[in-house]
Each structure stands twice: as C-alpha cells, then as structure tokens.
Amino acid sequence: MAYDITLPEESLELADQYTLRDLLECPAFQAFLVSAIGNGVRHFDKFSDVVDDRDELLMFRLAKFMRSIPYSTRNACFEKVGLIYKEWKARGVI
C-alpha cells in the first residue's frame, strides 16, 4: 500500500514529551489508542512495502503490548470507539 503521509519533525519532537503510558492513563485517549494500536497491529501487513527493521521491531513490541491487555478490555475499547463514531455520525460530525 502506498504511504505518503509524513508528520512534521516539530510534531514528532513534541511527541517525545509524552509516553504511551501517559496517553493510556488519560480516559480521553485510552480507548482510541488501544483501538488504533490494535488496528495497526492487525493490518501491519498492508504496509510491508514501506516498513524497515525498526518498524518490524516496534510492531513486535506493540503486538506483545496488545496481548498483555485482557481480551475483555480490548473489546471494551473497540466498542467504546465504535459507539463514539456512531454518535458523531448521527450528529453529523463525521
């Protein structure tokens, strides 16, 4: 899959100020992050033409992270995000 999205270096430097734990401990981000990481792990193969060894290692670590979250918790995060998107869609936000 072609991938031409590049985040600005300034944004990446600002991201260095936060940890994944910081974001996961914040209720506003928790469900979205678990859902996003789960989707990234699940669909990693779609980006095989643009990944390198560093990406492969990161994916291995993130897959291990996802397996450490109980299935019921992962499922609750996916359901929460789905409900939020349905609400947004019903209100015309998306």
N, C-alpha and C. Protein backbone atom coordinates (compact mmCIF):
# COMPACT_ATOMS: atom_id res chain seq x y z
N MET A 1 0.85 -1.17 0.00
CA MET A 1 0.00 0.00 0.00
C MET A 1 0.90 1.23 0.00
N ALA A 2 0.67 2.11 -0.92
CA ALA A 2 1.44 3.36 -0.97
C ALA A 2 1.15 4.17 0.30
N TYR A 3 2.17 4.79 0.82
CA TYR A 3 2.01 5.57 2.05
C TYR A 3 2.84 6.82 1.92
N ASP A 4 2.16 7.95 1.81
CA ASP A 4 2.88 9.20 1.59
C ASP A 4 2.58 10.24 2.65
N ILE A 5 2.17 9.80 3.84
CA ILE A 5 1.90 10.73 4.93
C ILE A 5 3.16 10.88 5.77
N THR A 6 3.58 12.12 5.97
CA THR A 6 4.76 12.40 6.77
C THR A 6 4.40 13.46 7.81
N LEU A 7 4.65 13.16 9.05
CA LEU A 7 4.41 14.14 10.11
C LEU A 7 5.58 15.09 10.18
N PRO A 8 5.31 16.36 10.47
CA PRO A 8 6.40 17.33 10.59
C PRO A 8 7.34 16.97 11.74
N GLU A 9 8.61 17.24 11.56
CA GLU A 9 9.61 16.95 12.60
C GLU A 9 9.25 17.64 13.91
N GLU A 10 8.74 18.84 13.84
CA GLU A 10 8.34 19.57 15.05
C GLU A 10 7.28 18.78 15.82
N SER A 11 6.33 18.19 15.12
CA SER A 11 5.29 17.39 15.78
C SER A 11 5.90 16.16 16.44
N LEU A 12 6.83 15.52 15.75
CA LEU A 12 7.48 14.34 16.32
C LEU A 12 8.31 14.70 17.56
N GLU A 13 8.96 15.86 17.52
CA GLU A 13 9.73 16.30 18.69
C GLU A 13 8.81 16.59 19.87
N LEU A 14 7.66 17.20 19.60
CA LEU A 14 6.70 17.44 20.67
C LEU A 14 6.17 16.13 21.24
N ALA A 15 6.01 15.13 20.39
CA ALA A 15 5.52 13.82 20.83
C ALA A 15 6.49 13.16 21.79
N ASP A 16 7.77 13.53 21.71
CA ASP A 16 8.77 12.96 22.63
C ASP A 16 8.50 13.34 24.09
N GLN A 17 7.64 14.32 24.31
CA GLN A 17 7.35 14.77 25.67
C GLN A 17 6.36 13.86 26.40
N TYR A 18 5.75 12.94 25.69
CA TYR A 18 4.71 12.09 26.27
C TYR A 18 5.08 10.62 26.07
N THR A 19 4.62 9.81 27.00
CA THR A 19 4.83 8.37 26.84
C THR A 19 3.49 7.73 26.47
N LEU A 20 3.58 6.53 25.99
CA LEU A 20 2.36 5.78 25.71
C LEU A 20 1.56 5.62 27.01
N ARG A 21 2.25 5.41 28.10
CA ARG A 21 1.57 5.29 29.39
C ARG A 21 0.80 6.56 29.74
N ASP A 22 1.42 7.72 29.51
CA ASP A 22 0.73 8.98 29.79
C ASP A 22 -0.61 9.01 29.06
N LEU A 23 -0.58 8.64 27.80
CA LEU A 23 -1.79 8.69 26.98
C LEU A 23 -2.80 7.62 27.41
N LEU A 24 -2.32 6.42 27.73
CA LEU A 24 -3.22 5.34 28.13
C LEU A 24 -3.87 5.60 29.48
N GLU A 25 -3.23 6.37 30.32
CA GLU A 25 -3.82 6.69 31.62
C GLU A 25 -4.87 7.79 31.54
N CYS A 26 -4.96 8.45 30.40
CA CYS A 26 -5.94 9.53 30.21
C CYS A 26 -7.20 8.95 29.56
N PRO A 27 -8.34 9.02 30.24
CA PRO A 27 -9.57 8.44 29.69
C PRO A 27 -9.93 8.94 28.28
N ALA A 28 -9.58 10.16 27.96
CA ALA A 28 -9.91 10.71 26.65
C ALA A 28 -9.16 10.01 25.52
N PHE A 29 -8.04 9.37 25.82
CA PHE A 29 -7.21 8.73 24.79
C PHE A 29 -7.22 7.21 24.86
N GLN A 30 -7.49 6.65 26.01
CA GLN A 30 -7.30 5.22 26.24
C GLN A 30 -7.98 4.34 25.19
N ALA A 31 -9.27 4.46 25.03
CA ALA A 31 -9.99 3.59 24.09
C ALA A 31 -9.52 3.80 22.66
N PHE A 32 -9.29 5.07 22.29
CA PHE A 32 -8.84 5.36 20.93
C PHE A 32 -7.47 4.77 20.65
N LEU A 33 -6.56 4.87 21.63
CA LEU A 33 -5.22 4.33 21.43
C LEU A 33 -5.21 2.81 21.35
N VAL A 34 -5.92 2.15 22.23
CA VAL A 34 -5.96 0.69 22.18
C VAL A 34 -6.56 0.25 20.84
N SER A 35 -7.61 0.93 20.42
CA SER A 35 -8.22 0.61 19.13
C SER A 35 -7.24 0.86 17.98
N ALA A 36 -6.58 2.00 17.99
CA ALA A 36 -5.65 2.34 16.91
C ALA A 36 -4.45 1.38 16.87
N ILE A 37 -3.89 1.08 18.03
CA ILE A 37 -2.75 0.17 18.06
C ILE A 37 -3.19 -1.22 17.61
N GLY A 38 -4.35 -1.65 18.07
CA GLY A 38 -4.87 -2.95 17.65
C GLY A 38 -5.07 -3.01 16.14
N ASN A 39 -5.62 -1.95 15.57
CA ASN A 39 -5.82 -1.91 14.12
C ASN A 39 -4.48 -1.90 13.38
N GLY A 40 -3.51 -1.16 13.92
CA GLY A 40 -2.20 -1.12 13.29
C GLY A 40 -1.52 -2.48 13.30
N VAL A 41 -1.61 -3.16 14.43
CA VAL A 41 -1.02 -4.50 14.53
C VAL A 41 -1.74 -5.46 13.58
N ARG A 42 -3.06 -5.38 13.54
CA ARG A 42 -3.85 -6.29 12.71
C ARG A 42 -3.59 -6.08 11.22
N HIS A 43 -3.33 -4.85 10.82
CA HIS A 43 -3.20 -4.53 9.39
C HIS A 43 -1.78 -4.17 8.97
N PHE A 44 -0.81 -4.53 9.80
CA PHE A 44 0.59 -4.21 9.53
C PHE A 44 1.05 -4.73 8.18
N ASP A 45 0.55 -5.89 7.79
CA ASP A 45 0.96 -6.50 6.53
C ASP A 45 0.63 -5.64 5.30
N LYS A 46 -0.34 -4.76 5.42
CA LYS A 46 -0.72 -3.90 4.30
C LYS A 46 0.34 -2.84 3.99
N PHE A 47 1.30 -2.67 4.90
CA PHE A 47 2.34 -1.66 4.74
C PHE A 47 3.72 -2.29 4.57
N SER A 48 3.77 -3.57 4.25
CA SER A 48 5.05 -4.28 4.18
C SER A 48 6.03 -3.68 3.18
N ASP A 49 5.52 -2.95 2.19
CA ASP A 49 6.42 -2.36 1.20
C ASP A 49 7.10 -1.09 1.68
N VAL A 50 6.67 -0.55 2.82
CA VAL A 50 7.26 0.70 3.30
C VAL A 50 7.84 0.61 4.70
N VAL A 51 7.92 -0.58 5.27
CA VAL A 51 8.46 -0.71 6.62
C VAL A 51 9.92 -1.17 6.59
N ASP A 52 10.61 -0.87 7.69
CA ASP A 52 12.00 -1.30 7.81
C ASP A 52 12.15 -2.15 9.08
N ASP A 53 13.36 -2.53 9.41
CA ASP A 53 13.60 -3.38 10.57
C ASP A 53 13.14 -2.72 11.87
N ARG A 54 13.30 -1.42 11.96
CA ARG A 54 12.87 -0.69 13.16
C ARG A 54 11.35 -0.80 13.32
N ASP A 55 10.62 -0.65 12.20
CA ASP A 55 9.17 -0.78 12.23
C ASP A 55 8.76 -2.19 12.64
N GLU A 56 9.48 -3.19 12.12
CA GLU A 56 9.16 -4.58 12.45
C GLU A 56 9.33 -4.84 13.95
N LEU A 57 10.39 -4.30 14.53
CA LEU A 57 10.61 -4.47 15.97
C LEU A 57 9.51 -3.76 16.76
N LEU A 58 9.17 -2.56 16.34
CA LEU A 58 8.09 -1.83 17.01
C LEU A 58 6.79 -2.62 16.94
N MET A 59 6.50 -3.17 15.78
CA MET A 59 5.26 -3.94 15.63
C MET A 59 5.27 -5.16 16.54
N PHE A 60 6.41 -5.83 16.65
CA PHE A 60 6.54 -6.98 17.55
C PHE A 60 6.24 -6.54 18.99
N ARG A 61 6.80 -5.42 19.39
CA ARG A 61 6.60 -4.93 20.77
C ARG A 61 5.15 -4.51 21.00
N LEU A 62 4.55 -3.87 20.00
CA LEU A 62 3.16 -3.44 20.15
C LEU A 62 2.20 -4.63 20.15
N ALA A 63 2.52 -5.67 19.38
CA ALA A 63 1.69 -6.87 19.40
C ALA A 63 1.76 -7.51 20.79
N LYS A 64 2.95 -7.52 21.38
CA LYS A 64 3.11 -8.06 22.73
C LYS A 64 2.32 -7.21 23.74
N PHE A 65 2.38 -5.89 23.57
CA PHE A 65 1.61 -4.98 24.42
C PHE A 65 0.12 -5.30 24.31
N MET A 66 -0.38 -5.45 23.08
CA MET A 66 -1.81 -5.73 22.89
C MET A 66 -2.21 -7.05 23.53
N ARG A 67 -1.34 -8.06 23.43
CA ARG A 67 -1.65 -9.36 24.05
C ARG A 67 -1.67 -9.25 25.57
N SER A 68 -0.99 -8.25 26.13
CA SER A 68 -0.97 -8.09 27.59
C SER A 68 -2.27 -7.49 28.13
N ILE A 69 -3.07 -6.93 27.25
CA ILE A 69 -4.35 -6.35 27.65
C ILE A 69 -5.40 -7.46 27.56
N PRO A 70 -6.14 -7.69 28.63
CA PRO A 70 -7.17 -8.74 28.58
C PRO A 70 -8.14 -8.50 27.41
N TYR A 71 -8.58 -9.61 26.83
CA TYR A 71 -9.49 -9.53 25.68
C TYR A 71 -10.70 -8.66 26.00
N SER A 72 -11.27 -8.83 27.18
CA SER A 72 -12.47 -8.06 27.53
C SER A 72 -12.19 -6.56 27.55
N THR A 73 -11.00 -6.17 27.97
CA THR A 73 -10.63 -4.76 27.99
C THR A 73 -10.41 -4.23 26.58
N ARG A 74 -9.70 -5.01 25.76
CA ARG A 74 -9.52 -4.60 24.36
C ARG A 74 -10.87 -4.45 23.68
N ASN A 75 -11.74 -5.43 23.89
CA ASN A 75 -13.06 -5.40 23.28
C ASN A 75 -13.86 -4.18 23.75
N ALA A 76 -13.77 -3.86 25.03
CA ALA A 76 -14.48 -2.70 25.56
C ALA A 76 -13.97 -1.41 24.89
N CYS A 77 -12.67 -1.34 24.64
CA CYS A 77 -12.11 -0.16 23.97
C CYS A 77 -12.63 -0.04 22.54
N PHE A 78 -12.63 -1.16 21.82
CA PHE A 78 -13.14 -1.14 20.45
C PHE A 78 -14.61 -0.76 20.42
N GLU A 79 -15.38 -1.30 21.36
CA GLU A 79 -16.81 -0.98 21.41
C GLU A 79 -17.04 0.49 21.73
N LYS A 80 -16.26 1.03 22.66
CA LYS A 80 -16.40 2.44 23.04
C LYS A 80 -16.13 3.35 21.84
N VAL A 81 -15.05 3.06 21.12
CA VAL A 81 -14.72 3.86 19.94
C VAL A 81 -15.83 3.74 18.90
N GLY A 82 -16.34 2.54 18.70
CA GLY A 82 -17.44 2.34 17.75
C GLY A 82 -18.67 3.15 18.13
N LEU A 83 -19.01 3.15 19.42
CA LEU A 83 -20.16 3.93 19.88
C LEU A 83 -19.95 5.43 19.68
N ILE A 84 -18.75 5.89 19.96
CA ILE A 84 -18.45 7.31 19.79
C ILE A 84 -18.59 7.70 18.32
N TYR A 85 -18.05 6.86 17.41
CA TYR A 85 -18.17 7.15 15.98
C TYR A 85 -19.63 7.15 15.53
N LYS A 86 -20.43 6.21 16.06
CA LYS A 86 -21.85 6.18 15.71
C LYS A 86 -22.55 7.45 16.18
N GLU A 87 -22.22 7.90 17.39
CA GLU A 87 -22.80 9.13 17.92
C GLU A 87 -22.41 10.33 17.05
N TRP A 88 -21.13 10.41 16.69
CA TRP A 88 -20.66 11.51 15.84
C TRP A 88 -21.38 11.50 14.50
N LYS A 89 -21.50 10.30 13.93
CA LYS A 89 -22.16 10.17 12.63
C LYS A 89 -23.61 10.59 12.72
N ALA A 90 -24.30 10.18 13.78
CA ALA A 90 -25.72 10.54 13.98
C ALA A 90 -25.89 12.06 14.14
N ARG A 91 -24.89 12.71 14.73
CA ARG A 91 -24.95 14.17 14.91
C ARG A 91 -24.42 14.93 13.70
N GLY A 92 -23.91 14.20 12.71
CA GLY A 92 -23.36 14.84 11.52
C GLY A 92 -21.96 15.40 11.68
N VAL A 93 -21.27 14.97 12.73
CA VAL A 93 -19.91 15.44 13.00
C VAL A 93 -18.95 14.84 11.98
N ILE A 94 -19.20 13.58 11.60
CA ILE A 94 -18.36 12.94 10.58
C ILE A 94 -19.22 12.46 9.43
